Amino acid sequence: MARKDLLDLASLEREEIDLLLDQAVPFKELFTRSVKKVPALKGKSVLMLFYEPSTRTHSSFEVAAKRMSADVTNFDVAHSSVVKGESIRETVETLQAMRTDYIVVRHGSSGLPGMIANQTKASVINAGDGAHAHPTQGLLDAFTLKEVFPEPAGKKVLIVGDILHSRVARSTTKVLRALGVEVAHLGPGSLVPKTGADGVTRFTDYDEAMKWKPDVVYLLRVQMERQDVQFFPSLREYHKVYGVTCERLKRLEDEGIYLMHPGPVNRGVELCDEALDYEKSLINTQVENGIAVRMAVLYWLKPVTG
């Protein structure tokens, strides 16, 4: 059942999703031990190829690889021949010559990790490509939800924010629906596609969305860097209309609704400061689970030998 690459979640069978989530459990249990390393990838090499900045995803993959005893190399794009005009193909050929086993790729262009996967024997993991996919984020979100709701089918998750530009929304929606979770999208009309995924309810009004009775409110980071034009009047206005204000936080508390966010949080935009201390916030748990899930992915993938 193992694959060479993980490029998206749409291509995974339900059995593969279940396997990855199950495999993440013992890796998370490892965190409670005094010695947090296993020799699962001893002698293997993991290359971090990040064309976009990302503290959380980058550090999570790096910690995951090191806890499995792999050798980790960070490819410094800013100081590489890429800035001199070297093509992606030339870069991949160079990396192939280094005999690396795994390449973790993050890039602003959708589909580029797949192109790299076709050119190398190494296992390629998509760590986010354009507005296309972020498969390990979707998996860690599903893993986090299953810890709270071991039988997640029938639960409701409301994803709030910039759905149009969000690879997280696409991947998390995909994996949650595969688990039988009901998903709805909420955001400004300009940022919630009118023709979204089949079976996904679309809201543009916060109060109407809350009448849907979600079990989890999942807030997306407002990605100003991905927007060619301003889709709403101001960040202050966005917070007032779609963010978890102090007033809305009280409603979440009263109704026992869990809170999720992929990070990093824009304080005062998606969340008020008080929300970061909310008892049913799963944000820090998502960070911890990201390491366990990425360990499971690395363990599952099989590079081409020879």
Protein backbone atom coordinates (compact mmCIF):
# COMPACT_ATOMS: atom_id res chain seq x y z
CA MET A 1 0.00 0.00 0.00
CA ALA A 2 3.00 2.30 0.39
CA ARG A 3 3.56 4.95 -2.27
CA LYS A 4 6.60 6.78 -3.57
CA ASP A 5 5.18 10.31 -3.17
CA LEU A 6 2.55 12.27 -1.27
CA LEU A 7 1.40 15.10 -3.53
CA ASP A 8 -2.25 15.54 -2.54
CA LEU A 9 -5.06 13.80 -0.67
CA ALA A 10 -7.44 13.42 -3.59
CA SER A 11 -5.43 10.46 -4.91
CA LEU A 12 -5.47 8.55 -1.59
CA GLU A 13 -7.88 5.73 -0.88
CA ARG A 14 -9.79 5.76 2.41
CA GLU A 15 -7.73 2.78 3.58
CA GLU A 16 -4.52 4.75 3.03
CA ILE A 17 -5.83 7.71 5.01
CA ASP A 18 -6.83 5.42 7.88
CA LEU A 19 -3.41 3.74 7.79
CA LEU A 20 -1.55 7.04 8.04
CA LEU A 21 -3.74 8.28 10.89
CA ASP A 22 -3.32 4.96 12.73
CA GLN A 23 0.46 5.02 12.23
CA ALA A 24 0.67 8.51 13.72
CA VAL A 25 -0.63 7.22 17.09
CA PRO A 26 2.51 5.32 18.20
CA PHE A 27 4.71 8.14 16.89
CA LYS A 28 2.87 10.60 19.11
CA GLU A 29 3.24 8.24 22.07
CA LEU A 30 6.97 8.45 21.46
CA PHE A 31 6.89 12.11 22.58
CA THR A 32 6.17 11.04 26.16
CA ARG A 33 9.35 8.95 26.43
CA SER A 34 12.66 10.19 27.76
CA VAL A 35 14.31 9.15 24.49
CA LYS A 36 12.23 10.55 21.65
CA LYS A 37 14.14 9.05 18.71
CA VAL A 38 13.67 5.83 16.76
CA PRO A 39 16.04 4.40 14.12
CA ALA A 40 13.30 3.99 11.49
CA LEU A 41 15.10 6.17 8.90
CA LYS A 42 18.66 5.75 10.08
CA GLY A 43 21.00 6.17 7.10
CA LYS A 44 18.31 7.92 5.03
CA SER A 45 18.51 11.55 3.91
CA VAL A 46 15.74 14.15 3.86
CA LEU A 47 16.14 17.34 1.84
CA MET A 48 14.10 20.44 2.70
CA LEU A 49 13.41 22.34 -0.53
CA PHE A 50 11.38 25.41 0.48
CA TYR A 51 10.90 28.13 -2.11
CA GLU A 52 8.44 29.83 0.25
CA PRO A 53 9.07 30.76 3.90
CA SER A 54 7.33 28.58 6.47
CA THR A 55 8.46 28.30 10.06
CA ARG A 56 5.86 25.81 11.27
CA THR A 57 5.76 23.33 8.40
CA HIS A 58 9.52 23.45 7.87
CA SER A 59 10.40 22.93 11.54
CA SER A 60 7.74 20.22 11.91
CA PHE A 61 9.16 18.17 9.03
CA GLU A 62 12.70 18.71 10.25
CA VAL A 63 11.88 17.56 13.79
CA ALA A 64 9.94 14.59 12.41
CA ALA A 65 12.87 13.47 10.24
CA LYS A 66 15.43 13.87 13.02
CA ARG A 67 13.29 11.95 15.50
CA MET A 68 13.39 9.08 13.01
CA SER A 69 17.22 9.36 12.88
CA ALA A 70 17.34 10.64 9.29
CA ASP A 71 19.99 13.07 8.06
CA VAL A 72 18.39 16.44 7.22
CA THR A 73 19.74 18.95 4.70
CA ASN A 74 18.24 22.40 4.21
CA PHE A 75 18.54 23.64 0.64
CA ASP A 76 19.02 27.40 0.94
CA VAL A 77 17.14 28.65 -2.12
CA ALA A 78 17.98 32.30 -1.42
CA HIS A 79 21.72 31.55 -1.70
CA SER A 80 21.57 28.85 -4.38
CA SER A 81 22.04 28.93 -8.13
CA VAL A 82 18.27 29.37 -8.42
CA VAL A 83 18.74 33.11 -7.95
CA LYS A 84 21.18 33.02 -10.88
CA GLY A 85 18.54 31.56 -13.16
CA GLU A 86 18.97 27.83 -12.58
CA SER A 87 15.81 25.97 -13.61
CA ILE A 88 13.85 23.63 -11.34
CA ARG A 89 14.95 20.73 -13.55
CA GLU A 90 18.62 21.62 -13.11
CA THR A 91 18.14 21.92 -9.37
CA VAL A 92 16.45 18.51 -9.22
CA GLU A 93 19.23 16.92 -11.28
CA THR A 94 21.74 18.31 -8.78
CA LEU A 95 19.72 16.93 -5.88
CA GLN A 96 19.37 13.57 -7.63
CA ALA A 97 23.14 13.37 -7.88
CA MET A 98 23.26 13.80 -4.09
CA ARG A 99 21.26 10.54 -3.76
CA THR A 100 18.75 12.03 -1.35
CA ASP A 101 15.91 9.73 -0.29
CA TYR A 102 13.15 12.23 0.50
CA ILE A 103 12.49 15.74 -0.78
CA VAL A 104 10.04 17.95 1.09
CA VAL A 105 8.89 20.67 -1.33
CA ARG A 106 7.08 23.95 -0.74
CA HIS A 107 6.50 26.25 -3.69
CA GLY A 108 4.17 29.03 -4.76
CA SER A 109 3.28 27.31 -8.04
CA SER A 110 0.56 24.66 -8.03
CA GLY A 111 1.71 21.30 -9.37
CA LEU A 112 5.45 21.87 -9.04
CA PRO A 113 6.01 19.11 -6.42
CA GLY A 114 4.44 16.67 -8.89
CA MET A 115 6.80 17.79 -11.61
CA ILE A 116 9.75 17.23 -9.30
CA ALA A 117 8.41 13.79 -8.34
CA ASN A 118 8.41 12.77 -12.00
CA GLN A 119 12.09 13.68 -12.32
CA THR A 120 13.55 11.97 -9.28
CA LYS A 121 13.71 8.57 -7.60
CA ALA A 122 13.39 10.27 -4.21
CA SER A 123 10.06 10.31 -2.43
CA VAL A 124 8.57 13.78 -2.81
CA ILE A 125 6.27 15.25 -0.16
CA ASN A 126 4.19 18.27 -1.01
CA ALA A 127 4.52 20.75 1.87
CA GLY A 128 2.22 23.23 0.12
CA ASP A 129 1.99 24.27 -3.53
CA GLY A 130 0.22 27.45 -4.53
CA ALA A 131 -3.48 27.27 -3.77
CA HIS A 132 -3.56 23.57 -4.70
CA ALA A 133 -2.83 21.28 -1.76
CA HIS A 134 -1.20 20.85 1.63
CA PRO A 135 -1.72 17.13 2.31
CA THR A 136 0.11 16.77 5.62
CA GLN A 137 -1.83 19.72 7.06
CA GLY A 138 -5.06 17.99 6.09
CA LEU A 139 -3.88 14.75 7.69
CA LEU A 140 -2.81 16.40 10.94
CA ASP A 141 -6.16 18.21 11.11
CA ALA A 142 -7.98 14.90 10.69
CA PHE A 143 -5.75 13.27 13.32
CA THR A 144 -6.47 16.11 15.75
CA LEU A 145 -10.21 15.84 15.16
CA LYS A 146 -10.14 12.05 15.70
CA GLU A 147 -8.46 12.53 19.08
CA VAL A 148 -11.49 14.58 20.19
CA PHE A 149 -14.09 12.58 18.26
CA PRO A 150 -12.82 8.99 17.78
CA GLU A 151 -15.81 8.36 15.49
CA PRO A 152 -15.85 11.60 13.47
CA ALA A 153 -18.49 10.61 10.89
CA GLY A 154 -21.46 12.96 11.17
CA LYS A 155 -19.59 15.68 13.04
CA LYS A 156 -19.67 19.20 11.58
CA VAL A 157 -16.65 21.39 10.85
CA LEU A 158 -17.07 25.01 9.76
CA ILE A 159 -14.01 26.33 7.89
CA VAL A 160 -13.90 30.13 8.00
CA GLY A 161 -11.93 32.56 5.88
CA ASP A 162 -10.19 32.82 2.55
CA ILE A 163 -11.35 29.57 0.96
CA LEU A 164 -10.46 30.79 -2.53
CA HIS A 165 -6.71 31.02 -1.93
CA SER A 166 -6.35 28.31 0.73
CA ARG A 167 -4.62 25.02 -0.01
CA VAL A 168 -5.31 24.13 3.64
CA ALA A 169 -9.06 24.48 3.10
CA ARG A 170 -8.89 22.22 0.05
CA SER A 171 -6.85 19.47 1.71
CA THR A 172 -8.61 19.56 5.07
CA THR A 173 -12.04 19.56 3.42
CA LYS A 174 -11.01 16.60 1.28
CA VAL A 175 -9.75 14.42 4.13
CA LEU A 176 -12.55 15.29 6.56
CA ARG A 177 -15.22 14.43 4.01
CA ALA A 178 -13.44 11.13 3.35
CA LEU A 179 -13.93 10.41 7.07
CA GLY A 180 -17.64 11.18 6.84
CA VAL A 181 -17.41 14.62 8.45
CA GLU A 182 -19.83 17.31 7.26
CA VAL A 183 -17.94 20.43 6.13
CA ALA A 184 -19.16 23.95 5.48
CA HIS A 185 -17.28 27.03 4.25
CA LEU A 186 -17.82 30.55 5.56
CA GLY A 187 -16.26 33.78 4.36
CA PRO A 188 -16.73 36.92 2.32
CA GLY A 189 -18.63 36.19 -0.89
CA SER A 190 -15.54 37.11 -2.90
CA LEU A 191 -13.47 34.50 -1.06
CA VAL A 192 -15.88 31.54 -0.99
CA PRO A 193 -16.15 29.92 -4.44
CA LYS A 194 -19.76 29.68 -5.61
CA THR A 195 -19.03 26.28 -7.14
CA GLY A 196 -17.13 24.56 -4.35
CA ALA A 197 -16.69 20.88 -3.59
CA ASP A 198 -19.80 18.75 -3.89
CA GLY A 199 -21.59 18.36 -0.58
CA VAL A 200 -19.94 21.38 1.05
CA THR A 201 -22.38 23.99 2.34
CA ARG A 202 -21.53 27.62 1.56
CA PHE A 203 -22.16 30.48 3.98
CA THR A 204 -21.32 34.18 3.79
CA ASP A 205 -23.04 35.19 7.04
CA TYR A 206 -21.54 34.20 10.42
CA ASP A 207 -24.85 33.96 12.29
CA GLU A 208 -26.38 31.79 9.57
CA ALA A 209 -23.35 29.50 9.70
CA MET A 210 -23.64 29.10 13.47
CA LYS A 211 -27.27 27.99 13.06
CA TRP A 212 -25.76 25.01 11.19
CA LYS A 213 -24.51 23.91 14.66
CA PRO A 214 -20.82 23.11 13.99
CA ASP A 215 -18.83 20.98 16.41
CA VAL A 216 -15.60 22.68 15.33
CA VAL A 217 -14.86 26.15 13.98
CA TYR A 218 -11.67 26.06 11.88
CA LEU A 219 -10.24 29.51 11.17
CA LEU A 220 -7.93 30.02 8.20
CA ARG A 221 -5.12 32.53 8.24
CA VAL A 222 -5.90 35.59 6.13
CA GLN A 223 -3.27 35.32 3.38
CA MET A 224 -2.76 38.85 2.17
CA GLU A 225 0.35 37.74 0.28
CA ARG A 226 -1.80 35.52 -1.99
CA GLN A 227 -4.30 38.17 -2.90
CA ASP A 228 -3.69 40.25 -6.02
CA VAL A 229 -6.41 42.66 -4.91
CA GLN A 230 -8.05 43.56 -1.60
CA PHE A 231 -11.10 41.29 -1.14
CA PHE A 232 -12.49 43.09 1.93
CA PRO A 233 -12.34 46.69 3.22
CA SER A 234 -9.82 46.18 6.04
CA LEU A 235 -8.45 43.61 8.46
CA ARG A 236 -10.36 45.32 11.26
CA GLU A 237 -13.58 44.93 9.31
CA TYR A 238 -12.77 41.29 8.54
CA HIS A 239 -12.32 40.57 12.25
CA LYS A 240 -15.61 42.25 13.06
CA VAL A 241 -17.57 40.29 10.45
CA TYR A 242 -15.80 36.89 10.28
CA GLY A 243 -13.28 36.66 13.11
CA VAL A 244 -13.74 35.11 16.55
CA THR A 245 -14.33 38.26 18.56
CA CYS A 246 -14.64 38.20 22.35
CA GLU A 247 -18.42 38.09 21.94
CA ARG A 248 -18.27 35.13 19.54
CA LEU A 249 -15.76 33.36 21.79
CA LYS A 250 -18.34 33.46 24.58
CA ARG A 251 -20.82 31.74 22.26
CA LEU A 252 -18.26 29.04 21.40
CA GLU A 253 -17.71 28.47 25.12
CA ASP A 254 -21.45 28.29 25.85
CA GLU A 255 -22.01 25.77 23.05
CA GLY A 256 -18.84 23.72 23.68
CA ILE A 257 -17.47 24.25 20.18
CA TYR A 258 -13.82 23.38 19.49
CA LEU A 259 -11.49 25.86 17.81
CA MET A 260 -8.78 25.09 15.22
CA HIS A 261 -6.33 27.17 13.17
CA PRO A 262 -3.38 26.05 10.99
CA GLY A 263 -1.17 28.91 12.22
CA PRO A 264 0.43 31.28 12.40
CA VAL A 265 -2.44 33.26 13.92
CA ASN A 266 -3.01 36.87 12.95
CA ARG A 267 -4.07 38.26 16.33
CA GLY A 268 -6.98 40.63 16.07
CA VAL A 269 -7.85 39.32 12.61
CA GLU A 270 -8.93 35.67 12.78
CA LEU A 271 -8.90 35.54 16.58
CA CYS A 272 -9.09 37.88 19.53
CA ASP A 273 -6.25 37.48 22.06
CA GLU A 274 -8.52 35.77 24.58
CA ALA A 275 -9.23 32.95 22.13
CA LEU A 276 -5.64 31.74 22.37
CA ASP A 277 -6.33 30.67 25.97
CA TYR A 278 -9.70 29.08 25.17
CA GLU A 279 -10.08 25.73 26.93
CA LYS A 280 -11.30 23.96 23.79
CA SER A 281 -8.70 25.43 21.47
CA LEU A 282 -6.85 22.68 19.57
CA ILE A 283 -4.30 25.00 17.97
CA ASN A 284 -1.30 23.89 20.04
CA THR A 285 -2.40 20.27 19.69
CA GLN A 286 -2.34 20.68 15.91
CA VAL A 287 1.31 21.76 16.11
CA GLU A 288 2.26 18.71 18.19
CA ASN A 289 0.25 16.36 15.99
CA GLY A 290 1.94 17.76 12.89
CA ILE A 291 5.19 16.12 13.95
CA ALA A 292 3.56 12.73 14.59
CA VAL A 293 1.68 12.74 11.29
CA ARG A 294 4.75 13.76 9.30
CA MET A 295 6.72 10.96 10.95
CA ALA A 296 3.99 8.57 9.82
CA VAL A 297 4.18 9.92 6.25
CA LEU A 298 7.97 9.58 6.08
CA TYR A 299 7.74 6.02 7.42
CA TRP A 300 5.02 5.14 4.88
CA LEU A 301 6.64 6.45 1.68
CA LYS A 302 9.12 4.29 -0.18
CA PRO A 303 11.75 5.92 -2.45
CA VAL A 304 12.78 4.10 -5.62
CA THR A 305 16.00 2.20 -5.01
CA GLY A 306 18.79 1.57 -7.44
